[in-house]
Amino acid sequence: NGDYFRWETVFPQFAKHFGLEFAGVKTRSLAKEMADKGEVWDRIVAKHGLKPIKLDKLASWGFADWVFGAEFDVMADTTKIRQ
C-alpha cells in the first residue's frame, strides 16, 4: 500500500504480539550471532520434520545486518514490482 515504516516502531509491536516487554533497540550483528547456530537449526529441522536446508543457505545474515542495522532510514517502495 506504499506505507513506509521504521523498524524501531515495528519491534515494540512484535514484542507485544508475543507477550514480551520491549527492551529497546539493540544493534547486533546477525552474521556473528548466527555463525555458530547451524547445529541448533539442524536439531529444530529434525524435531519438526522441516526441509533440511542448512542455516547458512536459509538466510543472508549479512544482508539482514544491513536491513536491521542501517543508521539511516531505508525507504523502499515495492508497488511497481507487484504490478
N, C-alpha and C. Protein backbone atom coordinates (compact mmCIF):
# COMPACT_ATOMS: atom_id res chain seq x y z
N ASN A 1 0.80 -1.19 0.00
CA ASN A 1 0.00 0.00 0.00
C ASN A 1 0.85 1.26 0.00
N GLY A 2 2.15 1.12 -0.12
CA GLY A 2 3.02 2.27 -0.23
C GLY A 2 3.40 2.92 1.09
N ASP A 3 2.92 2.40 2.22
CA ASP A 3 3.27 2.99 3.51
C ASP A 3 4.70 2.64 3.90
N TYR A 4 5.37 3.59 4.49
CA TYR A 4 6.72 3.37 4.98
C TYR A 4 6.66 3.07 6.48
N PHE A 5 7.70 2.39 6.96
CA PHE A 5 7.76 2.12 8.39
C PHE A 5 9.21 2.18 8.84
N ARG A 6 9.41 2.26 10.12
CA ARG A 6 10.74 2.19 10.72
C ARG A 6 10.77 0.98 11.64
N TRP A 7 11.89 0.25 11.61
CA TRP A 7 12.00 -0.93 12.47
C TRP A 7 11.81 -0.58 13.93
N GLU A 8 12.28 0.60 14.34
CA GLU A 8 12.18 0.97 15.75
C GLU A 8 10.73 1.11 16.20
N THR A 9 9.80 1.28 15.26
CA THR A 9 8.39 1.33 15.64
C THR A 9 7.71 -0.03 15.46
N VAL A 10 8.34 -0.92 14.71
CA VAL A 10 7.77 -2.25 14.49
C VAL A 10 8.15 -3.20 15.62
N PHE A 11 9.38 -3.12 16.11
CA PHE A 11 9.83 -4.05 17.15
C PHE A 11 8.95 -4.04 18.41
N PRO A 12 8.49 -2.88 18.90
CA PRO A 12 7.58 -2.92 20.06
C PRO A 12 6.29 -3.68 19.77
N GLN A 13 5.83 -3.61 18.53
CA GLN A 13 4.62 -4.35 18.16
C GLN A 13 4.86 -5.85 18.15
N PHE A 14 6.05 -6.27 17.69
CA PHE A 14 6.42 -7.69 17.75
C PHE A 14 6.42 -8.16 19.19
N ALA A 15 7.06 -7.39 20.06
CA ALA A 15 7.14 -7.75 21.47
C ALA A 15 5.75 -7.91 22.07
N LYS A 16 4.89 -6.95 21.81
CA LYS A 16 3.52 -7.00 22.33
C LYS A 16 2.79 -8.24 21.83
N HIS A 17 2.94 -8.54 20.55
CA HIS A 17 2.27 -9.70 19.96
C HIS A 17 2.66 -10.99 20.67
N PHE A 18 3.94 -11.10 21.03
CA PHE A 18 4.44 -12.31 21.67
C PHE A 18 4.38 -12.24 23.20
N GLY A 19 3.75 -11.19 23.73
CA GLY A 19 3.60 -11.06 25.17
C GLY A 19 4.89 -10.75 25.89
N LEU A 20 5.79 -10.05 25.22
CA LEU A 20 7.09 -9.71 25.79
C LEU A 20 7.18 -8.22 26.08
N GLU A 21 8.04 -7.88 26.98
CA GLU A 21 8.30 -6.48 27.27
C GLU A 21 9.37 -5.98 26.29
N PHE A 22 9.13 -4.86 25.66
CA PHE A 22 10.09 -4.30 24.72
C PHE A 22 11.24 -3.66 25.49
N ALA A 23 12.45 -4.09 25.20
CA ALA A 23 13.63 -3.62 25.93
C ALA A 23 14.42 -2.57 25.18
N GLY A 24 13.90 -2.10 24.07
CA GLY A 24 14.62 -1.12 23.28
C GLY A 24 15.38 -1.78 22.14
N VAL A 25 15.85 -0.95 21.24
CA VAL A 25 16.59 -1.45 20.08
C VAL A 25 18.05 -1.64 20.48
N LYS A 26 18.56 -2.83 20.21
CA LYS A 26 19.97 -3.15 20.47
C LYS A 26 20.58 -3.64 19.17
N THR A 27 21.45 -2.88 18.59
CA THR A 27 22.06 -3.26 17.32
C THR A 27 23.08 -4.37 17.56
N ARG A 28 22.87 -5.48 16.86
CA ARG A 28 23.76 -6.64 16.95
C ARG A 28 23.99 -7.16 15.55
N SER A 29 25.08 -7.86 15.37
CA SER A 29 25.37 -8.46 14.07
C SER A 29 24.76 -9.86 14.01
N LEU A 30 23.76 -10.03 13.15
CA LEU A 30 23.19 -11.36 12.98
C LEU A 30 24.20 -12.30 12.33
N ALA A 31 25.06 -11.78 11.48
CA ALA A 31 26.10 -12.61 10.87
C ALA A 31 26.97 -13.24 11.95
N LYS A 32 27.32 -12.48 12.96
CA LYS A 32 28.13 -13.01 14.07
C LYS A 32 27.29 -13.90 14.98
N GLU A 33 26.08 -13.46 15.32
CA GLU A 33 25.22 -14.21 16.24
C GLU A 33 24.83 -15.58 15.68
N MET A 34 24.61 -15.66 14.38
CA MET A 34 24.13 -16.90 13.77
C MET A 34 25.24 -17.82 13.27
N ALA A 35 26.48 -17.36 13.31
CA ALA A 35 27.61 -18.11 12.75
C ALA A 35 27.76 -19.51 13.35
N ASP A 36 27.44 -19.68 14.62
CA ASP A 36 27.62 -20.98 15.26
C ASP A 36 26.29 -21.67 15.60
N LYS A 37 25.22 -21.28 14.94
CA LYS A 37 23.89 -21.82 15.26
C LYS A 37 23.43 -22.91 14.29
N GLY A 38 24.31 -23.37 13.42
CA GLY A 38 23.94 -24.40 12.45
C GLY A 38 23.44 -25.69 13.09
N GLU A 39 24.11 -26.15 14.14
CA GLU A 39 23.70 -27.38 14.81
C GLU A 39 22.35 -27.21 15.50
N VAL A 40 22.12 -26.04 16.07
CA VAL A 40 20.83 -25.76 16.70
C VAL A 40 19.73 -25.84 15.65
N TRP A 41 19.96 -25.22 14.50
CA TRP A 41 18.98 -25.24 13.42
C TRP A 41 18.74 -26.68 12.94
N ASP A 42 19.80 -27.46 12.82
CA ASP A 42 19.65 -28.85 12.38
C ASP A 42 18.76 -29.64 13.34
N ARG A 43 18.88 -29.38 14.64
CA ARG A 43 18.03 -30.06 15.63
C ARG A 43 16.56 -29.61 15.48
N ILE A 44 16.35 -28.34 15.22
CA ILE A 44 14.98 -27.83 15.01
C ILE A 44 14.38 -28.49 13.77
N VAL A 45 15.17 -28.57 12.70
CA VAL A 45 14.71 -29.21 11.46
C VAL A 45 14.31 -30.66 11.73
N ALA A 46 15.15 -31.40 12.44
CA ALA A 46 14.87 -32.81 12.72
C ALA A 46 13.63 -32.95 13.61
N LYS A 47 13.54 -32.13 14.63
CA LYS A 47 12.42 -32.22 15.58
C LYS A 47 11.07 -31.97 14.90
N HIS A 48 11.02 -31.03 13.97
CA HIS A 48 9.76 -30.61 13.36
C HIS A 48 9.56 -31.13 11.93
N GLY A 49 10.48 -31.98 11.47
CA GLY A 49 10.34 -32.57 10.14
C GLY A 49 10.39 -31.55 9.02
N LEU A 50 11.23 -30.54 9.17
CA LEU A 50 11.34 -29.49 8.16
C LEU A 50 12.25 -29.93 7.02
N LYS A 51 12.14 -29.23 5.93
CA LYS A 51 13.02 -29.49 4.79
C LYS A 51 14.45 -29.19 5.22
N PRO A 52 15.38 -30.12 5.00
CA PRO A 52 16.74 -29.93 5.50
C PRO A 52 17.58 -28.95 4.69
N ILE A 53 17.38 -27.68 4.96
CA ILE A 53 18.17 -26.63 4.33
C ILE A 53 19.12 -26.09 5.39
N LYS A 54 20.39 -26.03 5.06
CA LYS A 54 21.38 -25.54 6.01
C LYS A 54 21.12 -24.07 6.33
N LEU A 55 21.41 -23.71 7.57
CA LEU A 55 21.12 -22.37 8.05
C LEU A 55 21.81 -21.29 7.22
N ASP A 56 23.03 -21.55 6.79
CA ASP A 56 23.75 -20.52 6.02
C ASP A 56 23.18 -20.36 4.61
N LYS A 57 22.34 -21.30 4.17
CA LYS A 57 21.67 -21.18 2.87
C LYS A 57 20.26 -20.62 3.02
N LEU A 58 19.76 -20.61 4.25
CA LEU A 58 18.39 -20.19 4.52
C LEU A 58 18.23 -18.68 4.52
N ALA A 59 19.25 -17.99 4.99
CA ALA A 59 19.17 -16.53 5.10
C ALA A 59 20.53 -15.91 4.84
N SER A 60 20.51 -14.69 4.36
CA SER A 60 21.73 -13.92 4.18
C SER A 60 21.88 -13.00 5.38
N TRP A 61 22.63 -13.48 6.37
CA TRP A 61 22.73 -12.73 7.63
C TRP A 61 23.42 -11.38 7.44
N GLY A 62 24.36 -11.30 6.51
CA GLY A 62 24.99 -10.01 6.22
C GLY A 62 24.00 -9.01 5.69
N PHE A 63 23.10 -9.47 4.82
CA PHE A 63 22.05 -8.58 4.31
C PHE A 63 21.11 -8.17 5.44
N ALA A 64 20.78 -9.13 6.31
CA ALA A 64 19.93 -8.80 7.46
C ALA A 64 20.59 -7.75 8.34
N ASP A 65 21.91 -7.85 8.50
CA ASP A 65 22.63 -6.82 9.27
C ASP A 65 22.43 -5.45 8.65
N TRP A 66 22.49 -5.39 7.32
CA TRP A 66 22.31 -4.11 6.65
C TRP A 66 20.88 -3.60 6.82
N VAL A 67 19.90 -4.49 6.63
CA VAL A 67 18.49 -4.08 6.73
C VAL A 67 18.16 -3.58 8.13
N PHE A 68 18.55 -4.35 9.14
CA PHE A 68 18.17 -4.01 10.52
C PHE A 68 19.12 -3.02 11.17
N GLY A 69 20.34 -2.90 10.65
CA GLY A 69 21.34 -2.10 11.33
C GLY A 69 21.68 -0.77 10.69
N ALA A 70 21.01 -0.42 9.60
CA ALA A 70 21.31 0.84 8.94
C ALA A 70 21.07 2.01 9.89
N GLU A 71 21.99 2.93 9.92
CA GLU A 71 21.85 4.09 10.80
C GLU A 71 21.16 5.25 10.09
N PHE A 72 20.47 4.90 9.02
CA PHE A 72 19.70 5.88 8.26
C PHE A 72 18.41 5.21 7.85
N ASP A 73 17.42 5.96 7.53
CA ASP A 73 16.15 5.39 7.11
C ASP A 73 16.27 4.81 5.71
N VAL A 74 15.91 3.55 5.56
CA VAL A 74 15.88 2.91 4.26
C VAL A 74 14.44 2.99 3.78
N MET A 75 14.24 3.73 2.71
CA MET A 75 12.89 3.91 2.20
C MET A 75 12.80 3.22 0.85
N ALA A 76 11.92 2.25 0.76
CA ALA A 76 11.75 1.50 -0.47
C ALA A 76 10.26 1.33 -0.74
N ASP A 77 9.93 1.23 -1.99
CA ASP A 77 8.54 1.05 -2.40
C ASP A 77 8.49 -0.12 -3.36
N THR A 78 7.69 -1.12 -3.04
CA THR A 78 7.59 -2.31 -3.87
C THR A 78 6.35 -2.30 -4.75
N THR A 79 5.70 -1.16 -4.89
CA THR A 79 4.47 -1.07 -5.66
C THR A 79 4.67 -1.53 -7.10
N LYS A 80 5.70 -1.03 -7.76
CA LYS A 80 5.91 -1.37 -9.18
C LYS A 80 6.21 -2.85 -9.37
N ILE A 81 6.95 -3.45 -8.47
CA ILE A 81 7.30 -4.87 -8.63
C ILE A 81 6.07 -5.75 -8.48
N ARG A 82 5.07 -5.27 -7.75
CA ARG A 82 3.84 -6.05 -7.56
C ARG A 82 2.83 -5.84 -8.68
N GLN A 83 3.08 -4.91 -9.59
CA GLN A 83 2.12 -4.63 -10.67
C GLN A 83 2.35 -5.50 -11.88
